[in-house]
Amino acid sequence: MRVQVYWNLHKKCWSVVALEGDRKGRVVTHADKVLLGAATFAVQPAGRDKVRREGRKNVHAFVRGEWLSALSQGKERRSVMYNPYKFDTFVFADNQEPVFSAKSVALLGPRNVVAEI
């Protein structure tokens, strides 16, 4: 199932939103970790600009992809981060280069997102 995932500030977990099927557009579950394949990183510019302007967080950044039950082993993995005050996109944590997609992504916590390149 294709989903989009964001960090829920109130529940302190990931919210998983269906992108297809009869529950399209609705939160289907909340989870401590989410694994996605064929992932893309999305930032809505208007939401990002509002965060910068008002200094208040809102949901405007997502990771979209195929919901997986496990990731493959032995691939190159890199940490990914997003900070609307510093960056326009998701970036690799080690060198701040923009990242727009990955073979798979493990969303393990608000500051623990790992992409398989």
PDB file of N, CA and C in Angstrom:
ATOM      1  N   MET A   1       0.843  -1.178   0.000  1.00  0.00           N
ATOM      2  CA  MET A   1       0.000   0.000   0.000  1.00  0.00           C
ATOM      3  C   MET A   1       0.887   1.240   0.000  1.00  0.00           C
ATOM      4  N   ARG A   2       0.566   2.213  -0.841  1.00  0.00           N
ATOM      5  CA  ARG A   2       1.294   3.483  -0.857  1.00  0.00           C
ATOM      6  C   ARG A   2       0.768   4.369   0.267  1.00  0.00           C
ATOM      7  N   VAL A   3       1.715   4.937   1.011  1.00  0.00           N
ATOM      8  CA  VAL A   3       1.372   5.775   2.157  1.00  0.00           C
ATOM      9  C   VAL A   3       2.276   7.003   2.194  1.00  0.00           C
ATOM     10  N   GLN A   4       1.864   7.965   2.986  1.00  0.00           N
ATOM     11  CA  GLN A   4       2.761   9.062   3.332  1.00  0.00           C
ATOM     12  C   GLN A   4       2.815   9.116   4.848  1.00  0.00           C
ATOM     13  N   VAL A   5       3.992   9.446   5.366  1.00  0.00           N
ATOM     14  CA  VAL A   5       4.243   9.358   6.802  1.00  0.00           C
ATOM     15  C   VAL A   5       4.806  10.682   7.297  1.00  0.00           C
ATOM     16  N   TYR A   6       4.334  11.101   8.467  1.00  0.00           N
ATOM     17  CA  TYR A   6       4.872  12.302   9.099  1.00  0.00           C
ATOM     18  C   TYR A   6       4.962  12.083  10.603  1.00  0.00           C
ATOM     19  N   TRP A   7       5.828  12.849  11.256  1.00  0.00           N
ATOM     20  CA  TRP A   7       5.989  12.764  12.700  1.00  0.00           C
ATOM     21  C   TRP A   7       4.851  13.544  13.356  1.00  0.00           C
ATOM     22  N   ASN A   8       4.088  12.879  14.215  1.00  0.00           N
ATOM     23  CA  ASN A   8       2.959  13.479  14.909  1.00  0.00           C
ATOM     24  C   ASN A   8       3.466  14.074  16.218  1.00  0.00           C
ATOM     25  N   LEU A   9       3.473  15.402  16.300  1.00  0.00           N
ATOM     26  CA  LEU A   9       4.007  16.098  17.472  1.00  0.00           C
ATOM     27  C   LEU A   9       3.205  15.846  18.739  1.00  0.00           C
ATOM     28  N   HIS A  10       1.914  15.615  18.602  1.00  0.00           N
ATOM     29  CA  HIS A  10       1.064  15.427  19.776  1.00  0.00           C
ATOM     30  C   HIS A  10       1.149  14.009  20.331  1.00  0.00           C
ATOM     31  N   LYS A  11       1.188  13.019  19.441  1.00  0.00           N
ATOM     32  CA  LYS A  11       1.224  11.622  19.875  1.00  0.00           C
ATOM     33  C   LYS A  11       2.642  11.079  20.033  1.00  0.00           C
ATOM     34  N   LYS A  12       3.645  11.846  19.561  1.00  0.00           N
ATOM     35  CA  LYS A  12       5.056  11.445  19.644  1.00  0.00           C
ATOM     36  C   LYS A  12       5.309  10.106  18.940  1.00  0.00           C
ATOM     37  N   CYS A  13       4.743   9.971  17.740  1.00  0.00           N
ATOM     38  CA  CYS A  13       4.941   8.776  16.931  1.00  0.00           C
ATOM     39  C   CYS A  13       4.698   9.147  15.466  1.00  0.00           C
ATOM     40  N   TRP A  14       4.887   8.177  14.578  1.00  0.00           N
ATOM     41  CA  TRP A  14       4.638   8.401  13.150  1.00  0.00           C
ATOM     42  C   TRP A  14       3.169   8.209  12.842  1.00  0.00           C
ATOM     43  N   SER A  15       2.600   9.095  12.044  1.00  0.00           N
ATOM     44  CA  SER A  15       1.241   8.934  11.530  1.00  0.00           C
ATOM     45  C   SER A  15       1.352   8.455  10.094  1.00  0.00           C
ATOM     46  N   VAL A  16       0.625   7.383   9.766  1.00  0.00           N
ATOM     47  CA  VAL A  16       0.670   6.777   8.433  1.00  0.00           C
ATOM     48  C   VAL A  16      -0.661   7.068   7.743  1.00  0.00           C
ATOM     49  N   VAL A  17      -0.585   7.768   6.602  1.00  0.00           N
ATOM     50  CA  VAL A  17      -1.767   8.176   5.843  1.00  0.00           C
ATOM     51  C   VAL A  17      -1.827   7.374   4.548  1.00  0.00           C
ATOM     52  N   ALA A  18      -2.973   6.735   4.268  1.00  0.00           N
ATOM     53  CA  ALA A  18      -3.144   5.962   3.034  1.00  0.00           C
ATOM     54  C   ALA A  18      -3.202   6.899   1.830  1.00  0.00           C
ATOM     55  N   LEU A  19      -2.535   6.516   0.752  1.00  0.00           N
ATOM     56  CA  LEU A  19      -2.587   7.277  -0.496  1.00  0.00           C
ATOM     57  C   LEU A  19      -3.437   6.581  -1.549  1.00  0.00           C
ATOM     58  N   GLU A  20      -4.035   5.450  -1.182  1.00  0.00           N
ATOM     59  CA  GLU A  20      -4.877   4.693  -2.110  1.00  0.00           C
ATOM     60  C   GLU A  20      -5.895   3.882  -1.311  1.00  0.00           C
ATOM     61  N   GLY A  21      -6.872   3.330  -2.021  1.00  0.00           N
ATOM     62  CA  GLY A  21      -7.878   2.483  -1.376  1.00  0.00           C
ATOM     63  C   GLY A  21      -9.016   3.278  -0.768  1.00  0.00           C
ATOM     64  N   ASP A  22      -9.864   2.575  -0.041  1.00  0.00           N
ATOM     65  CA  ASP A  22     -11.057   3.212   0.514  1.00  0.00           C
ATOM     66  C   ASP A  22     -10.751   4.146   1.686  1.00  0.00           C
ATOM     67  N   ARG A  23      -9.557   4.081   2.250  1.00  0.00           N
ATOM     68  CA  ARG A  23      -9.169   4.976   3.350  1.00  0.00           C
ATOM     69  C   ARG A  23      -8.201   6.061   2.883  1.00  0.00           C
ATOM     70  N   LYS A  24      -8.151   6.277   1.574  1.00  0.00           N
ATOM     71  CA  LYS A  24      -7.252   7.271   0.982  1.00  0.00           C
ATOM     72  C   LYS A  24      -7.414   8.626   1.672  1.00  0.00           C
ATOM     73  N   GLY A  25      -6.270   9.217   2.055  1.00  0.00           N
ATOM     74  CA  GLY A  25      -6.282  10.525   2.702  1.00  0.00           C
ATOM     75  C   GLY A  25      -6.493  10.496   4.201  1.00  0.00           C
ATOM     76  N   ARG A  26      -6.677   9.304   4.772  1.00  0.00           N
ATOM     77  CA  ARG A  26      -6.916   9.186   6.214  1.00  0.00           C
ATOM     78  C   ARG A  26      -5.747   8.499   6.913  1.00  0.00           C
ATOM     79  N   VAL A  27      -5.559   8.845   8.165  1.00  0.00           N
ATOM     80  CA  VAL A  27      -4.556   8.167   8.982  1.00  0.00           C
ATOM     81  C   VAL A  27      -5.042   6.741   9.220  1.00  0.00           C
ATOM     82  N   VAL A  28      -4.215   5.752   8.840  1.00  0.00           N
ATOM     83  CA  VAL A  28      -4.599   4.351   9.020  1.00  0.00           C
ATOM     84  C   VAL A  28      -3.993   3.747  10.278  1.00  0.00           C
ATOM     85  N   THR A  29      -2.895   4.331  10.764  1.00  0.00           N
ATOM     86  CA  THR A  29      -2.302   3.850  12.012  1.00  0.00           C
ATOM     87  C   THR A  29      -1.281   4.857  12.515  1.00  0.00           C
ATOM     88  N   HIS A  30      -0.897   4.659  13.764  1.00  0.00           N
ATOM     89  CA  HIS A  30       0.222   5.376  14.368  1.00  0.00           C
ATOM     90  C   HIS A  30       1.241   4.319  14.750  1.00  0.00           C
ATOM     91  N   ALA A  31       2.527   4.608  14.543  1.00  0.00           N
ATOM     92  CA  ALA A  31       3.548   3.590  14.787  1.00  0.00           C
ATOM     93  C   ALA A  31       4.830   4.223  15.314  1.00  0.00           C
ATOM     94  N   ASP A  32       5.584   3.429  16.078  1.00  0.00           N
ATOM     95  CA  ASP A  32       6.885   3.878  16.580  1.00  0.00           C
ATOM     96  C   ASP A  32       7.951   3.811  15.497  1.00  0.00           C
ATOM     97  N   LYS A  33       7.778   2.886  14.535  1.00  0.00           N
ATOM     98  CA  LYS A  33       8.700   2.817  13.399  1.00  0.00           C
ATOM     99  C   LYS A  33       7.916   2.410  12.155  1.00  0.00           C
ATOM    100  N   VAL A  34       8.378   2.919  11.011  1.00  0.00           N
ATOM    101  CA  VAL A  34       7.730   2.632   9.734  1.00  0.00           C
ATOM    102  C   VAL A  34       8.816   2.381   8.702  1.00  0.00           C
ATOM    103  N   LEU A  35       8.633   1.346   7.893  1.00  0.00           N
ATOM    104  CA  LEU A  35       9.582   1.014   6.835  1.00  0.00           C
ATOM    105  C   LEU A  35       8.907   1.232   5.487  1.00  0.00           C
ATOM    106  N   LEU A  36       9.569   1.977   4.596  1.00  0.00           N
ATOM    107  CA  LEU A  36       9.012   2.290   3.289  1.00  0.00           C
ATOM    108  C   LEU A  36       9.977   1.910   2.181  1.00  0.00           C
ATOM    109  N   GLY A  37       9.435   1.422   1.064  1.00  0.00           N
ATOM    110  CA  GLY A  37      10.218   1.161  -0.132  1.00  0.00           C
ATOM    111  C   GLY A  37       9.873   2.180  -1.197  1.00  0.00           C
ATOM    112  N   ALA A  38      10.770   2.342  -2.185  1.00  0.00           N
ATOM    113  CA  ALA A  38      10.575   3.301  -3.282  1.00  0.00           C
ATOM    114  C   ALA A  38      10.122   4.641  -2.715  1.00  0.00           C
ATOM    115  N   ALA A  39      10.903   5.159  -1.788  1.00  0.00           N
ATOM    116  CA  ALA A  39      10.510   6.334  -1.019  1.00  0.00           C
ATOM    117  C   ALA A  39      10.881   7.644  -1.701  1.00  0.00           C
ATOM    118  N   THR A  40      10.024   8.641  -1.489  1.00  0.00           N
ATOM    119  CA  THR A  40      10.323  10.008  -1.911  1.00  0.00           C
ATOM    120  C   THR A  40      10.106  10.927  -0.718  1.00  0.00           C
ATOM    121  N   PHE A  41      10.925  11.967  -0.657  1.00  0.00           N
ATOM    122  CA  PHE A  41      10.844  12.946   0.416  1.00  0.00           C
ATOM    123  C   PHE A  41      10.146  14.187  -0.131  1.00  0.00           C
ATOM    124  N   ALA A  42       9.133  14.671   0.572  1.00  0.00           N
ATOM    125  CA  ALA A  42       8.345  15.805   0.082  1.00  0.00           C
ATOM    126  C   ALA A  42       8.232  16.883   1.150  1.00  0.00           C
ATOM    127  N   VAL A  43       8.454  18.120   0.726  1.00  0.00           N
ATOM    128  CA  VAL A  43       8.269  19.283   1.588  1.00  0.00           C
ATOM    129  C   VAL A  43       7.329  20.233   0.855  1.00  0.00           C
ATOM    130  N   GLN A  44       6.248  20.623   1.516  1.00  0.00           N
ATOM    131  CA  GLN A  44       5.321  21.575   0.921  1.00  0.00           C
ATOM    132  C   GLN A  44       5.843  22.988   1.204  1.00  0.00           C
ATOM    133  N   PRO A  45       6.254  23.715   0.151  1.00  0.00           N
ATOM    134  CA  PRO A  45       6.888  25.028   0.347  1.00  0.00           C
ATOM    135  C   PRO A  45       6.030  26.026   1.125  1.00  0.00           C
ATOM    136  N   ALA A  46       4.731  26.069   0.887  1.00  0.00           N
ATOM    137  CA  ALA A  46       3.883  27.030   1.599  1.00  0.00           C
ATOM    138  C   ALA A  46       3.866  26.737   3.101  1.00  0.00           C
ATOM    139  N   GLY A  47       3.810  25.452   3.474  1.00  0.00           N
ATOM    140  CA  GLY A  47       3.850  25.075   4.885  1.00  0.00           C
ATOM    141  C   GLY A  47       5.181  25.402   5.525  1.00  0.00           C
ATOM    142  N   ARG A  48       6.274  25.144   4.784  1.00  0.00           N
ATOM    143  CA  ARG A  48       7.615  25.464   5.277  1.00  0.00           C
ATOM    144  C   ARG A  48       7.744  26.969   5.503  1.00  0.00           C
ATOM    145  N   ASP A  49       7.256  27.757   4.546  1.00  0.00           N
ATOM    146  CA  ASP A  49       7.345  29.210   4.674  1.00  0.00           C
ATOM    147  C   ASP A  49       6.527  29.721   5.862  1.00  0.00           C
ATOM    148  N   LYS A  50       5.394  29.097   6.115  1.00  0.00           N
ATOM    149  CA  LYS A  50       4.559  29.482   7.255  1.00  0.00           C
ATOM    150  C   LYS A  50       5.278  29.183   8.576  1.00  0.00           C
ATOM    151  N   VAL A  51       5.968  28.036   8.652  1.00  0.00           N
ATOM    152  CA  VAL A  51       6.748  27.704   9.851  1.00  0.00           C
ATOM    153  C   VAL A  51       7.806  28.767  10.080  1.00  0.00           C
ATOM    154  N   ARG A  52       8.509  29.141   9.028  1.00  0.00           N
ATOM    155  CA  ARG A  52       9.569  30.146   9.154  1.00  0.00           C
ATOM    156  C   ARG A  52       8.993  31.507   9.563  1.00  0.00           C
ATOM    157  N   ARG A  53       7.861  31.849   8.993  1.00  0.00           N
ATOM    158  CA  ARG A  53       7.244  33.153   9.257  1.00  0.00           C
ATOM    159  C   ARG A  53       6.685  33.234  10.679  1.00  0.00           C
ATOM    160  N   GLU A  54       5.988  32.179  11.121  1.00  0.00           N
ATOM    161  CA  GLU A  54       5.297  32.204  12.413  1.00  0.00           C
ATOM    162  C   GLU A  54       6.095  31.591  13.553  1.00  0.00           C
ATOM    163  N   GLY A  55       7.120  30.787  13.224  1.00  0.00           N
ATOM    164  CA  GLY A  55       7.900  30.137  14.265  1.00  0.00           C
ATOM    165  C   GLY A  55       7.144  29.029  14.978  1.00  0.00           C
ATOM    166  N   ARG A  56       6.093  28.488  14.329  1.00  0.00           N
ATOM    167  CA  ARG A  56       5.288  27.398  14.896  1.00  0.00           C
ATOM    168  C   ARG A  56       5.304  26.228  13.935  1.00  0.00           C
ATOM    169  N   LYS A  57       5.425  25.033  14.470  1.00  0.00           N
ATOM    170  CA  LYS A  57       5.472  23.830  13.638  1.00  0.00           C
ATOM    171  C   LYS A  57       4.103  23.493  13.072  1.00  0.00           C
ATOM    172  N   ASN A  58       4.104  22.916  11.866  1.00  0.00           N
ATOM    173  CA  ASN A  58       2.893  22.372  11.251  1.00  0.00           C
ATOM    174  C   ASN A  58       3.297  21.211  10.353  1.00  0.00           C
ATOM    175  N   VAL A  59       2.342  20.411   9.953  1.00  0.00           N
ATOM    176  CA  VAL A  59       2.631  19.248   9.113  1.00  0.00           C
ATOM    177  C   VAL A  59       2.789  19.719   7.666  1.00  0.00           C
ATOM    178  N   HIS A  60       4.014  19.660   7.171  1.00  0.00           N
ATOM    179  CA  HIS A  60       4.271  20.077   5.791  1.00  0.00           C
ATOM    180  C   HIS A  60       5.369  19.246   5.128  1.00  0.00           C
ATOM    181  N   ALA A  61       5.921  18.275   5.853  1.00  0.00           N
ATOM    182  CA  ALA A  61       6.996  17.438   5.314  1.00  0.00           C
ATOM    183  C   ALA A  61       6.629  15.969   5.519  1.00  0.00           C
ATOM    184  N   PHE A  62       6.813  15.177   4.461  1.00  0.00           N
ATOM    185  CA  PHE A  62       6.398  13.776   4.470  1.00  0.00           C
ATOM    186  C   PHE A  62       7.455  12.901   3.811  1.00  0.00           C
ATOM    187  N   VAL A  63       7.379  11.617   4.110  1.00  0.00           N
ATOM    188  CA  VAL A  63       8.065  10.602   3.319  1.00  0.00           C
ATOM    189  C   VAL A  63       6.968   9.728   2.735  1.00  0.00           C
ATOM    190  N   ARG A  64       6.979   9.557   1.417  1.00  0.00           N
ATOM    191  CA  ARG A  64       5.962   8.754   0.733  1.00  0.00           C
ATOM    192  C   ARG A  64       6.613   7.502   0.169  1.00  0.00           C
ATOM    193  N   GLY A  65       5.868   6.389   0.174  1.00  0.00           N
ATOM    194  CA  GLY A  65       6.402   5.159  -0.395  1.00  0.00           C
ATOM    195  C   GLY A  65       5.504   3.970  -0.136  1.00  0.00           C
ATOM    196  N   GLU A  66       6.031   2.779  -0.514  1.00  0.00           N
ATOM    197  CA  GLU A  66       5.332   1.508  -0.299  1.00  0.00           C
ATOM    198  C   GLU A  66       5.601   1.045   1.126  1.00  0.00           C
ATOM    199  N   TRP A  67       4.552   0.763   1.852  1.00  0.00           N
ATOM    200  CA  TRP A  67       4.666   0.297   3.231  1.00  0.00           C
ATOM    201  C   TRP A  67       5.257  -1.105   3.232  1.00  0.00           C
ATOM    202  N   LEU A  68       6.373  -1.315   3.938  1.00  0.00           N
ATOM    203  CA  LEU A  68       7.072  -2.602   3.988  1.00  0.00           C
ATOM    204  C   LEU A  68       7.022  -3.195   5.389  1.00  0.00           C
ATOM    205  N   SER A  69       7.258  -4.501   5.457  1.00  0.00           N
ATOM    206  CA  SER A  69       7.353  -5.148   6.760  1.00  0.00           C
ATOM    207  C   SER A  69       8.808  -5.316   7.199  1.00  0.00           C
ATOM    208  N   ALA A  70       9.756  -5.233   6.251  1.00  0.00           N
ATOM    209  CA  ALA A  70      11.180  -5.363   6.589  1.00  0.00           C
ATOM    210  C   ALA A  70      12.018  -4.719   5.500  1.00  0.00           C
ATOM    211  N   LEU A  71      13.232  -4.322   5.861  1.00  0.00           N
ATOM    212  CA  LEU A  71      14.186  -3.780   4.888  1.00  0.00           C
ATOM    213  C   LEU A  71      15.198  -4.849   4.528  1.00  0.00           C
ATOM    214  N   SER A  72      15.780  -4.723   3.348  1.00  0.00           N
ATOM    215  CA  SER A  72      16.844  -5.651   2.953  1.00  0.00           C
ATOM    216  C   SER A  72      18.106  -5.342   3.756  1.00  0.00           C
ATOM    217  N   GLN A  73      19.015  -6.286   3.814  1.00  0.00           N
ATOM    218  CA  GLN A  73      20.245  -6.128   4.584  1.00  0.00           C
ATOM    219  C   GLN A  73      21.429  -5.846   3.664  1.00  0.00           C
ATOM    220  N   GLY A  74      22.466  -5.228   4.222  1.00  0.00           N
ATOM    221  CA  GLY A  74      23.727  -5.073   3.520  1.00  0.00           C
ATOM    222  C   GLY A  74      23.793  -3.948   2.499  1.00  0.00           C
ATOM    223  N   LYS A  75      22.883  -3.035   2.503  1.00  0.00           N
ATOM    224  CA  LYS A  75      22.908  -1.919   1.572  1.00  0.00           C
ATOM    225  C   LYS A  75      23.507  -0.694   2.244  1.00  0.00           C
ATOM    226  N   GLU A  76      23.952   0.258   1.418  1.00  0.00           N
ATOM    227  CA  GLU A  76      24.480   1.505   1.961  1.00  0.00           C
ATOM    228  C   GLU A  76      23.329   2.317   2.551  1.00  0.00           C
ATOM    229  N   ARG A  77      23.485   2.688   3.820  1.00  0.00           N
ATOM    230  CA  ARG A  77      22.443   3.451   4.494  1.00  0.00           C
ATOM    231  C   ARG A  77      23.030   4.757   5.024  1.00  0.00           C
ATOM    232  N   ARG A  78      22.234   5.804   4.946  1.00  0.00           N
ATOM    233  CA  ARG A  78      22.673   7.119   5.418  1.00  0.00           C
ATOM    234  C   ARG A  78      21.536   7.782   6.185  1.00  0.00           C
ATOM    235  N   SER A  79      21.901   8.528   7.219  1.00  0.00           N
ATOM    236  CA  SER A  79      20.911   9.262   7.999  1.00  0.00           C
ATOM    237  C   SER A  79      20.420  10.473   7.213  1.00  0.00           C
ATOM    238  N   VAL A  80      19.125  10.735   7.378  1.00  0.00           N
ATOM    239  CA  VAL A  80      18.464  11.850   6.704  1.00  0.00           C
ATOM    240  C   VAL A  80      17.812  12.728   7.765  1.00  0.00           C
ATOM    241  N   MET A  81      17.788  14.038   7.506  1.00  0.00           N
ATOM    242  CA  MET A  81      17.162  14.955   8.449  1.00  0.00           C
ATOM    243  C   MET A  81      16.426  16.062   7.708  1.00  0.00           C
ATOM    244  N   TYR A  82      15.563  16.774   8.439  1.00  0.00           N
ATOM    245  CA  TYR A  82      14.877  17.934   7.885  1.00  0.00           C
ATOM    246  C   TYR A  82      14.697  18.958   8.980  1.00  0.00           C
ATOM    247  N   ASN A  83      15.070  20.187   8.707  1.00  0.00           N
ATOM    248  CA  ASN A  83      14.878  21.295   9.623  1.00  0.00           C
ATOM    249  C   ASN A  83      14.393  22.477   8.788  1.00  0.00           C
ATOM    250  N   PRO A  84      13.118  22.877   8.941  1.00  0.00           N
ATOM    251  CA  PRO A  84      12.578  23.935   8.085  1.00  0.00           C
ATOM    252  C   PRO A  84      13.250  25.289   8.268  1.00  0.00           C
ATOM    253  N   TYR A  85      13.946  25.490   9.381  1.00  0.00           N
ATOM    254  CA  TYR A  85      14.624  26.758   9.616  1.00  0.00           C
ATOM    255  C   TYR A  85      15.984  26.818   8.909  1.00  0.00           C
ATOM    256  N   LYS A  86      16.545  25.652   8.563  1.00  0.00           N
ATOM    257  CA  LYS A  86      17.864  25.611   7.931  1.00  0.00           C
ATOM    258  C   LYS A  86      17.834  25.164   6.474  1.00  0.00           C
ATOM    259  N   PHE A  87      16.883  24.276   6.124  1.00  0.00           N
ATOM    260  CA  PHE A  87      16.908  23.652   4.802  1.00  0.00           C
ATOM    261  C   PHE A  87      15.558  23.769   4.108  1.00  0.00           C
ATOM    262  N   ASP A  88      15.597  23.758   2.779  1.00  0.00           N
ATOM    263  CA  ASP A  88      14.364  23.762   1.989  1.00  0.00           C
ATOM    264  C   ASP A  88      13.855  22.349   1.723  1.00  0.00           C
ATOM    265  N   THR A  89      14.730  21.351   1.852  1.00  0.00           N
ATOM    266  CA  THR A  89      14.394  19.961   1.553  1.00  0.00           C
ATOM    267  C   THR A  89      14.925  19.066   2.662  1.00  0.00           C
ATOM    268  N   PHE A  90      14.623  17.768   2.570  1.00  0.00           N
ATOM    269  CA  PHE A  90      15.311  16.784   3.401  1.00  0.00           C
ATOM    270  C   PHE A  90      16.762  16.752   2.934  1.00  0.00           C
ATOM    271  N   VAL A  91      17.693  16.497   3.868  1.00  0.00           N
ATOM    272  CA  VAL A  91      19.115  16.451   3.530  1.00  0.00           C
ATOM    273  C   VAL A  91      19.769  15.260   4.214  1.00  0.00           C
ATOM    274  N   PHE A  92      20.912  14.824   3.664  1.00  0.00           N
ATOM    275  CA  PHE A  92      21.718  13.821   4.347  1.00  0.00           C
ATOM    276  C   PHE A  92      22.345  14.483   5.570  1.00  0.00           C
ATOM    277  N   ALA A  93      22.304  13.814   6.710  1.00  0.00           N
ATOM    278  CA  ALA A  93      22.784  14.391   7.966  1.00  0.00           C
ATOM    279  C   ALA A  93      24.287  14.658   7.958  1.00  0.00           C
ATOM    280  N   ASP A  94      25.052  13.838   7.241  1.00  0.00           N
ATOM    281  CA  ASP A  94      26.508  13.981   7.298  1.00  0.00           C
ATOM    282  C   ASP A  94      27.060  15.153   6.492  1.00  0.00           C
ATOM    283  N   ASN A  95      26.407  15.516   5.378  1.00  0.00           N
ATOM    284  CA  ASN A  95      26.960  16.588   4.551  1.00  0.00           C
ATOM    285  C   ASN A  95      25.934  17.636   4.100  1.00  0.00           C
ATOM    286  N   GLN A  96      24.708  17.531   4.552  1.00  0.00           N
ATOM    287  CA  GLN A  96      23.618  18.462   4.254  1.00  0.00           C
ATOM    288  C   GLN A  96      23.307  18.590   2.757  1.00  0.00           C
ATOM    289  N   GLU A  97      23.625  17.561   1.965  1.00  0.00           N
ATOM    290  CA  GLU A  97      23.233  17.550   0.561  1.00  0.00           C
ATOM    291  C   GLU A  97      21.761  17.151   0.470  1.00  0.00           C
ATOM    292  N   PRO A  98      20.988  17.800  -0.421  1.00  0.00           N
ATOM    293  CA  PRO A  98      19.567  17.460  -0.568  1.00  0.00           C
ATOM    294  C   PRO A  98      19.362  16.003  -0.974  1.00  0.00           C
ATOM    295  N   VAL A  99      18.287  15.410  -0.469  1.00  0.00           N
ATOM    296  CA  VAL A  99      17.897  14.046  -0.858  1.00  0.00           C
ATOM    297  C   VAL A  99      16.412  14.089  -1.207  1.00  0.00           C
ATOM    298  N   PHE A 100      16.072  13.479  -2.343  1.00  0.00           N
ATOM    299  CA  PHE A 100      14.693  13.518  -2.811  1.00  0.00           C
ATOM    300  C   PHE A 100      14.050  12.136  -2.888  1.00  0.00           C
ATOM    301  N   SER A 101      14.873  11.081  -2.938  1.00  0.00           N
ATOM    302  CA  SER A 101      14.319   9.729  -3.012  1.00  0.00           C
ATOM    303  C   SER A 101      15.324   8.724  -2.472  1.00  0.00           C
ATOM    304  N   ALA A 102      14.831   7.509  -2.200  1.00  0.00           N
ATOM    305  CA  ALA A 102      15.682   6.422  -1.714  1.00  0.00           C
ATOM    306  C   ALA A 102      15.011   5.101  -2.044  1.00  0.00           C
ATOM    307  N   LYS A 103      15.824   4.039  -2.147  1.00  0.00           N
ATOM    308  CA  LYS A 103      15.256   2.702  -2.391  1.00  0.00           C
ATOM    309  C   LYS A 103      14.332   2.305  -1.250  1.00  0.00           C
ATOM    310  N   SER A 104      14.764   2.610  -0.026  1.00  0.00           N
ATOM    311  CA  SER A 104      13.930   2.342   1.144  1.00  0.00           C
ATOM    312  C   SER A 104      14.312   3.313   2.253  1.00  0.00           C
ATOM    313  N   VAL A 105      13.409   3.457   3.208  1.00  0.00           N
ATOM    314  CA  VAL A 105      13.623   4.375   4.327  1.00  0.00           C
ATOM    315  C   VAL A 105      13.097   3.712   5.592  1.00  0.00           C
ATOM    316  N   ALA A 106      13.875   3.812   6.667  1.00  0.00           N
ATOM    317  CA  ALA A 106      13.438   3.371   7.988  1.00  0.00           C
ATOM    318  C   ALA A 106      13.195   4.618   8.826  1.00  0.00           C
ATOM    319  N   LEU A 107      11.944   4.833   9.207  1.00  0.00           N
ATOM    320  CA  LEU A 107      11.570   5.954  10.067  1.00  0.00           C
ATOM    321  C   LEU A 107      11.500   5.403  11.484  1.00  0.00           C
ATOM    322  N   LEU A 108      12.540   5.666  12.262  1.00  0.00           N
ATOM    323  CA  LEU A 108      12.682   5.039  13.574  1.00  0.00           C
ATOM    324  C   LEU A 108      12.364   5.981  14.722  1.00  0.00           C
ATOM    325  N   GLY A 109      12.410   7.267  14.482  1.00  0.00           N
ATOM    326  CA  GLY A 109      12.111   8.262  15.494  1.00  0.00           C
ATOM    327  C   GLY A 109      12.199   9.631  14.875  1.00  0.00           C
ATOM    328  N   PRO A 110      11.865  10.684  15.606  1.00  0.00           N
ATOM    329  CA  PRO A 110      11.836  12.021  15.013  1.00  0.00           C
ATOM    330  C   PRO A 110      13.197  12.485  14.513  1.00  0.00           C
ATOM    331  N   ARG A 111      14.247  11.973  15.099  1.00  0.00           N
ATOM    332  CA  ARG A 111      15.595  12.333  14.670  1.00  0.00           C
ATOM    333  C   ARG A 111      16.399  11.127  14.229  1.00  0.00           C
ATOM    334  N   ASN A 112      15.682  10.108  13.807  1.00  0.00           N
ATOM    335  CA  ASN A 112      16.330   8.870  13.377  1.00  0.00           C
ATOM    336  C   ASN A 112      15.646   8.325  12.120  1.00  0.00           C
ATOM    337  N   VAL A 113      16.016   8.914  10.985  1.00  0.00           N
ATOM    338  CA  VAL A 113      15.502   8.503   9.686  1.00  0.00           C
ATOM    339  C   VAL A 113      16.698   8.025   8.868  1.00  0.00           C
ATOM    340  N   VAL A 114      16.625   6.776   8.402  1.00  0.00           N
ATOM    341  CA  VAL A 114      17.744   6.178   7.689  1.00  0.00           C
ATOM    342  C   VAL A 114      17.288   5.774   6.296  1.00  0.00           C
ATOM    343  N   ALA A 115      18.028   6.229   5.282  1.00  0.00           N
ATOM    344  CA  ALA A 115      17.696   5.943   3.891  1.00  0.00           C
ATOM    345  C   ALA A 115      18.689   4.952   3.308  1.00  0.00           C
ATOM    346  N   GLU A 116      18.155   3.973   2.550  1.00  0.00           N
ATOM    347  CA  GLU A 116      18.987   3.059   1.778  1.00  0.00           C
ATOM    348  C   GLU A 116      19.070   3.659   0.382  1.00  0.00           C
ATOM    349  N   ILE A 117      20.279   3.934  -0.049  1.00  0.00           N
ATOM    350  CA  ILE A 117      20.476   4.600  -1.335  1.00  0.00           C
ATOM    351  C   ILE A 117      20.633   3.607  -2.460  1.00  0.00           C
TER     352      ILE A 117
END
